[in-house]
C-alpha atoms as a PDB file:
ATOM      1  CA  MET A   1      37.911 -23.813  59.607  1.00  0.00           C
ATOM      2  CA  LYS A   2      38.556 -20.109  60.127  1.00  0.00           C
ATOM      3  CA  MET A   3      35.843 -19.289  57.603  1.00  0.00           C
ATOM      4  CA  LYS A   4      33.242 -21.370  59.466  1.00  0.00           C
ATOM      5  CA  PHE A   5      34.225 -19.789  62.771  1.00  0.00           C
ATOM      6  CA  ALA A   6      34.026 -16.255  61.361  1.00  0.00           C
ATOM      7  CA  LEU A   7      30.679 -17.024  59.754  1.00  0.00           C
ATOM      8  CA  SER A   8      29.239 -18.482  62.958  1.00  0.00           C
ATOM      9  CA  VAL A   9      30.462 -15.514  65.021  1.00  0.00           C
ATOM     10  CA  GLY A  10      28.970 -13.121  62.479  1.00  0.00           C
ATOM     11  CA  LEU A  11      25.623 -14.914  62.529  1.00  0.00           C
ATOM     12  CA  CYS A  12      25.576 -14.912  66.337  1.00  0.00           C
ATOM     13  CA  ILE A  13      26.268 -11.177  66.442  1.00  0.00           C
ATOM     14  CA  LEU A  14      23.594 -10.529  63.827  1.00  0.00           C
ATOM     15  CA  ALA A  15      21.011 -12.636  65.674  1.00  0.00           C
ATOM     16  CA  ALA A  16      21.820 -10.993  69.008  1.00  0.00           C
ATOM     17  CA  SER A  17      21.510  -7.496  67.561  1.00  0.00           C
ATOM     18  CA  MET A  18      18.195  -8.352  65.890  1.00  0.00           C
ATOM     19  CA  LEU A  19      16.768  -9.766  69.115  1.00  0.00           C
ATOM     20  CA  HIS A  20      17.950  -6.722  71.039  1.00  0.00           C
ATOM     21  CA  ALA A  21      16.330  -4.428  68.467  1.00  0.00           C
ATOM     22  CA  LEU A  22      13.033  -6.305  68.752  1.00  0.00           C
ATOM     23  CA  GLU A  23      13.084  -5.925  72.517  1.00  0.00           C
ATOM     24  CA  PHE A  24      14.178  -2.281  72.451  1.00  0.00           C
ATOM     25  CA  TYR A  25      11.712  -1.092  69.806  1.00  0.00           C
ATOM     26  CA  ASP A  26       8.631  -2.965  71.062  1.00  0.00           C
ATOM     27  CA  VAL A  27       6.032  -0.188  70.718  1.00  0.00           C
ATOM     28  CA  SER A  28       3.365  -2.134  72.585  1.00  0.00           C
ATOM     29  CA  GLN A  29       5.199  -1.710  75.888  1.00  0.00           C
ATOM     30  CA  PRO A  30       3.058   0.206  78.388  1.00  0.00           C
ATOM     31  CA  ASP A  31       5.890   2.532  79.430  1.00  0.00           C
ATOM     32  CA  ILE A  32       6.116   4.117  75.969  1.00  0.00           C
ATOM     33  CA  ALA A  33       4.076   7.328  76.001  1.00  0.00           C
ATOM     34  CA  LYS A  34       1.842   8.075  73.058  1.00  0.00           C
ATOM     35  CA  ILE A  35       2.225  11.406  71.285  1.00  0.00           C
ATOM     36  CA  LYS A  36      -0.872  13.560  71.752  1.00  0.00           C
ATOM     37  CA  LEU A  37      -1.885  14.917  68.361  1.00  0.00           C
ATOM     38  CA  ASN A  38      -4.693  17.248  67.338  1.00  0.00           C
ATOM     39  CA  ILE A  39      -5.865  17.299  63.727  1.00  0.00           C
ATOM     40  CA  SER A  40      -7.823  20.290  62.474  1.00  0.00           C
ATOM     41  CA  SER A  41      -8.602  21.993  59.185  1.00  0.00           C
ATOM     42  CA  ILE A  42      -7.825  25.537  58.155  1.00  0.00           C
ATOM     43  CA  SER A  43     -10.633  25.724  55.613  1.00  0.00           C
ATOM     44  CA  ASP A  44     -13.993  24.035  56.137  1.00  0.00           C
ATOM     45  CA  SER A  45     -14.700  21.889  53.111  1.00  0.00           C
ATOM     46  CA  SER A  46     -16.365  18.519  52.748  1.00  0.00           C
ATOM     47  CA  LYS A  47     -13.134  16.864  51.585  1.00  0.00           C
ATOM     48  CA  ASN A  48     -11.201  18.203  54.562  1.00  0.00           C
ATOM     49  CA  SER A  49     -13.831  17.056  57.040  1.00  0.00           C
ATOM     50  CA  VAL A  50     -13.876  13.536  55.555  1.00  0.00           C
ATOM     51  CA  LEU A  51     -10.075  13.367  55.643  1.00  0.00           C
ATOM     52  CA  ILE A  52      -9.910  14.589  59.240  1.00  0.00           C
ATOM     53  CA  LYS A  53     -12.542  12.088  60.393  1.00  0.00           C
ATOM     54  CA  LYS A  54     -10.641   9.238  58.735  1.00  0.00           C
ATOM     55  CA  MET A  55      -7.338  10.344  60.263  1.00  0.00           C
ATOM     56  CA  GLN A  56      -8.892  10.656  63.725  1.00  0.00           C
ATOM     57  CA  ARG A  57     -10.377   7.168  63.365  1.00  0.00           C
ATOM     58  CA  GLN A  58      -6.947   5.817  62.410  1.00  0.00           C
ATOM     59  CA  LEU A  59      -5.378   7.489  65.454  1.00  0.00           C
ATOM     60  CA  THR A  60      -7.571   5.356  67.729  1.00  0.00           C
ATOM     61  CA  HIS A  61      -5.846   2.242  66.330  1.00  0.00           C
ATOM     62  CA  SER A  62      -2.319   3.669  66.473  1.00  0.00           C
ATOM     63  CA  LEU A  63       0.232   2.491  69.013  1.00  0.00           C
ATOM     64  CA  LEU A  64       2.255   5.711  68.835  1.00  0.00           C
ATOM     65  CA  PHE A  65      -0.328   8.509  68.573  1.00  0.00           C
ATOM     66  CA  GLU A  66      -3.339   9.588  70.609  1.00  0.00           C
ATOM     67  CA  ASN A  67      -6.091  11.955  69.483  1.00  0.00           C
ATOM     68  CA  ALA A  68      -6.259  14.944  71.849  1.00  0.00           C
ATOM     69  CA  SER A  69      -7.997  18.285  72.104  1.00  0.00           C
ATOM     70  CA  ALA A  70      -6.165  21.400  70.968  1.00  0.00           C
ATOM     71  CA  GLY A  71      -5.368  22.431  74.548  1.00  0.00           C
ATOM     72  CA  ASP A  72      -3.950  19.053  75.599  1.00  0.00           C
ATOM     73  CA  ALA A  73      -2.119  18.193  72.371  1.00  0.00           C
ATOM     74  CA  GLU A  74       1.652  18.165  72.077  1.00  0.00           C
ATOM     75  CA  TYR A  75       1.454  18.709  68.312  1.00  0.00           C
ATOM     76  CA  LEU A  76      -1.154  20.438  66.155  1.00  0.00           C
ATOM     77  CA  LEU A  77      -1.665  19.224  62.593  1.00  0.00           C
ATOM     78  CA  GLU A  78      -3.574  21.701  60.439  1.00  0.00           C
ATOM     79  CA  ILE A  79      -4.797  20.646  57.019  1.00  0.00           C
END
């Protein structure tokens, strides 16, 4: 009897914490600000330009990052 009670309380606590985590870490909420990121290359090579274009294209689909110009960016990523 005590084992069933302890197990049910444990499962309830686990379920409640998981539901709270889903609500708290929902990245699609409009009040979460995206990080403005600028990606640039130090050396101009064809491989770097292809990589940068692919990364910038992926940033348009990201929920956490936004592609920005060097002046507006919060972080600069140089490759």
